[in-house]
N, C-alpha and C. Protein backbone atom coordinates (compact mmCIF):
# COMPACT_ATOMS: atom_id res chain seq x y z
N MET A 1 0.84 -1.16 0.00
CA MET A 1 0.00 0.00 0.00
C MET A 1 0.90 1.24 0.00
N SER A 2 0.61 2.13 -0.89
CA SER A 2 1.45 3.32 -0.98
C SER A 2 0.89 4.46 -0.13
N LEU A 3 1.77 5.37 0.22
CA LEU A 3 1.38 6.56 0.95
C LEU A 3 0.34 7.34 0.16
N GLU A 4 0.53 7.46 -1.14
CA GLU A 4 -0.39 8.22 -1.98
C GLU A 4 -1.79 7.60 -1.97
N GLU A 5 -1.87 6.27 -2.04
CA GLU A 5 -3.17 5.60 -2.00
C GLU A 5 -3.89 5.87 -0.69
N ALA A 6 -3.15 5.78 0.41
CA ALA A 6 -3.75 6.01 1.72
C ALA A 6 -4.19 7.46 1.87
N LYS A 7 -3.38 8.39 1.42
CA LYS A 7 -3.76 9.81 1.53
C LYS A 7 -4.98 10.12 0.68
N ARG A 8 -5.08 9.49 -0.47
CA ARG A 8 -6.25 9.68 -1.32
C ARG A 8 -7.50 9.14 -0.60
N HIS A 9 -7.38 7.96 0.01
CA HIS A 9 -8.50 7.36 0.74
C HIS A 9 -8.90 8.23 1.93
N LEU A 10 -7.91 8.77 2.63
CA LEU A 10 -8.17 9.59 3.81
C LEU A 10 -8.54 11.03 3.45
N ARG A 11 -8.40 11.37 2.17
CA ARG A 11 -8.65 12.73 1.69
C ARG A 11 -7.75 13.75 2.40
N ILE A 12 -6.46 13.42 2.41
CA ILE A 12 -5.48 14.27 3.07
C ILE A 12 -4.52 14.85 2.03
N GLU A 13 -4.33 16.15 2.10
CA GLU A 13 -3.35 16.82 1.26
C GLU A 13 -2.21 17.29 2.13
N GLY A 14 -1.09 17.55 1.53
CA GLY A 14 0.07 17.99 2.30
C GLY A 14 0.82 16.80 2.86
N ASN A 15 1.90 17.10 3.58
CA ASN A 15 2.76 16.02 4.06
C ASN A 15 2.99 16.03 5.56
N VAL A 16 2.23 16.80 6.29
CA VAL A 16 2.43 16.91 7.74
C VAL A 16 2.25 15.56 8.43
N ASP A 17 1.28 14.76 7.98
CA ASP A 17 0.96 13.49 8.62
C ASP A 17 1.56 12.27 7.92
N ASP A 18 2.47 12.48 6.99
CA ASP A 18 3.00 11.36 6.20
C ASP A 18 3.62 10.26 7.05
N ALA A 19 4.41 10.60 8.04
CA ALA A 19 5.06 9.58 8.87
C ALA A 19 4.01 8.77 9.63
N LEU A 20 3.01 9.43 10.17
CA LEU A 20 1.95 8.74 10.89
C LEU A 20 1.15 7.84 9.96
N ILE A 21 0.86 8.33 8.78
CA ILE A 21 0.10 7.52 7.81
C ILE A 21 0.90 6.28 7.42
N LEU A 22 2.20 6.42 7.19
CA LEU A 22 3.03 5.27 6.86
C LEU A 22 3.05 4.25 7.99
N GLU A 23 3.13 4.72 9.22
CA GLU A 23 3.07 3.80 10.37
C GLU A 23 1.72 3.08 10.41
N ASN A 24 0.65 3.82 10.15
CA ASN A 24 -0.69 3.23 10.16
C ASN A 24 -0.87 2.21 9.05
N ILE A 25 -0.28 2.45 7.90
CA ILE A 25 -0.33 1.48 6.80
C ILE A 25 0.33 0.18 7.24
N ALA A 26 1.51 0.29 7.86
CA ALA A 26 2.23 -0.91 8.30
C ALA A 26 1.42 -1.70 9.32
N VAL A 27 0.83 -1.00 10.27
CA VAL A 27 0.02 -1.67 11.29
C VAL A 27 -1.23 -2.28 10.66
N ALA A 28 -1.85 -1.55 9.73
CA ALA A 28 -3.05 -2.05 9.06
C ALA A 28 -2.74 -3.30 8.24
N GLU A 29 -1.61 -3.31 7.54
CA GLU A 29 -1.22 -4.50 6.79
C GLU A 29 -0.99 -5.68 7.74
N GLY A 30 -0.39 -5.42 8.88
CA GLY A 30 -0.18 -6.47 9.87
C GLY A 30 -1.49 -7.01 10.40
N TYR A 31 -2.45 -6.13 10.60
CA TYR A 31 -3.77 -6.55 11.08
C TYR A 31 -4.41 -7.50 10.07
N VAL A 32 -4.43 -7.09 8.81
CA VAL A 32 -5.05 -7.91 7.77
C VAL A 32 -4.30 -9.23 7.63
N GLU A 33 -2.99 -9.18 7.63
CA GLU A 33 -2.18 -10.40 7.50
C GLU A 33 -2.40 -11.36 8.66
N SER A 34 -2.75 -10.84 9.83
CA SER A 34 -2.97 -11.73 10.98
C SER A 34 -4.19 -12.64 10.76
N PHE A 35 -5.05 -12.26 9.84
CA PHE A 35 -6.23 -13.06 9.53
C PHE A 35 -6.12 -13.86 8.25
N VAL A 36 -5.37 -13.35 7.27
CA VAL A 36 -5.37 -13.98 5.95
C VAL A 36 -4.02 -14.52 5.51
N GLY A 37 -2.98 -14.26 6.25
CA GLY A 37 -1.63 -14.65 5.83
C GLY A 37 -0.95 -13.49 5.13
N THR A 38 0.19 -13.75 4.54
CA THR A 38 1.03 -12.71 3.96
C THR A 38 0.36 -12.04 2.77
N ILE A 39 0.40 -10.72 2.77
CA ILE A 39 -0.04 -9.92 1.63
C ILE A 39 1.09 -8.98 1.28
N GLY A 40 0.91 -8.22 0.23
CA GLY A 40 1.91 -7.21 -0.08
C GLY A 40 2.90 -7.68 -1.12
N GLU A 41 4.12 -7.23 -0.99
CA GLU A 41 5.12 -7.43 -2.03
C GLU A 41 5.45 -8.89 -2.29
N VAL A 42 5.34 -9.76 -1.28
CA VAL A 42 5.71 -11.16 -1.50
C VAL A 42 4.56 -11.97 -2.08
N ALA A 43 3.35 -11.44 -2.07
CA ALA A 43 2.22 -12.16 -2.63
C ALA A 43 2.14 -11.88 -4.13
N ASP A 44 1.79 -12.91 -4.91
CA ASP A 44 1.66 -12.74 -6.35
C ASP A 44 0.46 -11.87 -6.71
N TYR A 45 -0.61 -12.03 -5.95
CA TYR A 45 -1.83 -11.30 -6.25
C TYR A 45 -2.53 -10.96 -4.94
N VAL A 46 -2.90 -9.71 -4.78
CA VAL A 46 -3.65 -9.27 -3.62
C VAL A 46 -5.00 -8.77 -4.12
N PRO A 47 -6.09 -9.42 -3.69
CA PRO A 47 -7.42 -8.97 -4.14
C PRO A 47 -7.68 -7.52 -3.74
N ASP A 48 -8.41 -6.82 -4.58
CA ASP A 48 -8.73 -5.42 -4.30
C ASP A 48 -9.47 -5.26 -2.98
N THR A 49 -10.28 -6.26 -2.63
CA THR A 49 -11.02 -6.16 -1.37
C THR A 49 -10.06 -6.15 -0.17
N LEU A 50 -8.97 -6.89 -0.24
CA LEU A 50 -8.00 -6.87 0.86
C LEU A 50 -7.22 -5.57 0.87
N LYS A 51 -6.94 -5.02 -0.30
CA LYS A 51 -6.29 -3.71 -0.36
C LYS A 51 -7.19 -2.66 0.29
N LYS A 52 -8.49 -2.74 0.00
CA LYS A 52 -9.44 -1.80 0.59
C LYS A 52 -9.53 -2.01 2.10
N ALA A 53 -9.44 -3.26 2.55
CA ALA A 53 -9.45 -3.54 3.99
C ALA A 53 -8.26 -2.86 4.68
N VAL A 54 -7.10 -2.89 4.04
CA VAL A 54 -5.92 -2.21 4.59
C VAL A 54 -6.18 -0.71 4.68
N LEU A 55 -6.79 -0.14 3.65
CA LEU A 55 -7.10 1.29 3.68
C LEU A 55 -8.07 1.62 4.80
N PHE A 56 -9.10 0.80 4.98
CA PHE A 56 -10.05 1.05 6.06
C PHE A 56 -9.38 0.95 7.43
N MET A 57 -8.49 -0.03 7.59
CA MET A 57 -7.79 -0.15 8.87
C MET A 57 -6.84 1.02 9.09
N ALA A 58 -6.18 1.48 8.05
CA ALA A 58 -5.32 2.67 8.17
C ALA A 58 -6.16 3.87 8.59
N GLU A 59 -7.36 3.96 8.03
CA GLU A 59 -8.28 5.03 8.43
C GLU A 59 -8.66 4.90 9.91
N TYR A 60 -8.96 3.69 10.32
CA TYR A 60 -9.31 3.45 11.73
C TYR A 60 -8.16 3.87 12.65
N TYR A 61 -6.94 3.47 12.32
CA TYR A 61 -5.80 3.84 13.15
C TYR A 61 -5.50 5.33 13.10
N PHE A 62 -5.82 5.97 11.98
CA PHE A 62 -5.55 7.39 11.83
C PHE A 62 -6.52 8.24 12.63
N ASP A 63 -7.81 7.94 12.54
CA ASP A 63 -8.78 8.82 13.20
C ASP A 63 -9.78 8.12 14.12
N GLY A 64 -9.59 6.82 14.36
CA GLY A 64 -10.46 6.11 15.29
C GLY A 64 -11.86 5.86 14.79
N ASN A 65 -12.04 5.87 13.48
CA ASN A 65 -13.36 5.66 12.88
C ASN A 65 -13.76 4.19 13.01
N ASN A 66 -14.63 3.88 13.97
CA ASN A 66 -15.02 2.49 14.22
C ASN A 66 -15.72 1.85 13.03
N SER A 67 -16.47 2.63 12.25
CA SER A 67 -17.14 2.04 11.09
C SER A 67 -16.12 1.60 10.04
N ALA A 68 -14.97 2.25 9.98
CA ALA A 68 -13.91 1.83 9.05
C ALA A 68 -13.39 0.45 9.44
N LYS A 69 -13.23 0.21 10.74
CA LYS A 69 -12.77 -1.10 11.20
C LYS A 69 -13.82 -2.17 10.89
N GLU A 70 -15.08 -1.85 11.10
CA GLU A 70 -16.15 -2.80 10.80
C GLU A 70 -16.16 -3.15 9.31
N ARG A 71 -15.98 -2.16 8.46
CA ARG A 71 -15.94 -2.42 7.01
C ARG A 71 -14.73 -3.28 6.65
N ALA A 72 -13.59 -3.00 7.27
CA ALA A 72 -12.39 -3.81 7.01
C ALA A 72 -12.63 -5.26 7.41
N ASP A 73 -13.20 -5.46 8.59
CA ASP A 73 -13.46 -6.82 9.07
C ASP A 73 -14.42 -7.57 8.13
N GLU A 74 -15.41 -6.88 7.60
CA GLU A 74 -16.34 -7.49 6.65
C GLU A 74 -15.62 -7.92 5.37
N LEU A 75 -14.68 -7.09 4.91
CA LEU A 75 -13.94 -7.41 3.70
C LEU A 75 -12.95 -8.56 3.91
N ILE A 76 -12.41 -8.66 5.11
CA ILE A 76 -11.44 -9.71 5.43
C ILE A 76 -12.10 -11.08 5.56
N LEU A 77 -13.32 -11.11 6.06
CA LEU A 77 -13.98 -12.36 6.44
C LEU A 77 -13.93 -13.46 5.38
N PRO A 78 -14.22 -13.19 4.11
CA PRO A 78 -14.18 -14.28 3.13
C PRO A 78 -12.79 -14.88 2.90
N TYR A 79 -11.74 -14.14 3.25
CA TYR A 79 -10.37 -14.57 3.03
C TYR A 79 -9.71 -15.14 4.29
N ARG A 80 -10.43 -15.07 5.38
CA ARG A 80 -9.86 -15.42 6.68
C ARG A 80 -9.46 -16.90 6.74
N LYS A 81 -8.29 -17.14 7.27
CA LYS A 81 -7.81 -18.52 7.49
C LYS A 81 -8.17 -18.88 8.92
N TRP A 82 -8.98 -19.89 9.06
CA TRP A 82 -9.43 -20.31 10.37
C TRP A 82 -8.51 -21.40 10.91
N SER A 83 -8.26 -21.34 12.19
CA SER A 83 -7.49 -22.41 12.83
C SER A 83 -8.10 -22.68 14.20
N PHE A 84 -8.09 -23.93 14.56
CA PHE A 84 -8.69 -24.34 15.84
C PHE A 84 -7.69 -25.09 16.66
């Protein structure tokens, strides 16, 4: 996930929050990966829905928008790897 993609999703201009947004992207990717396995550069193909889930989680971490987390969780569910 690129900084530019996240800023576009968050509707943020300027670079004051760039470091925070990059941190949030990393945490958001980790969140999604904790449910579905590795995504990102090492994966051959990342579905758009999982990319959107990362954006929603980055939004949640950026401004605490609980509905963004709920949307991310809904997008992750079909890809979730279950273990018992």
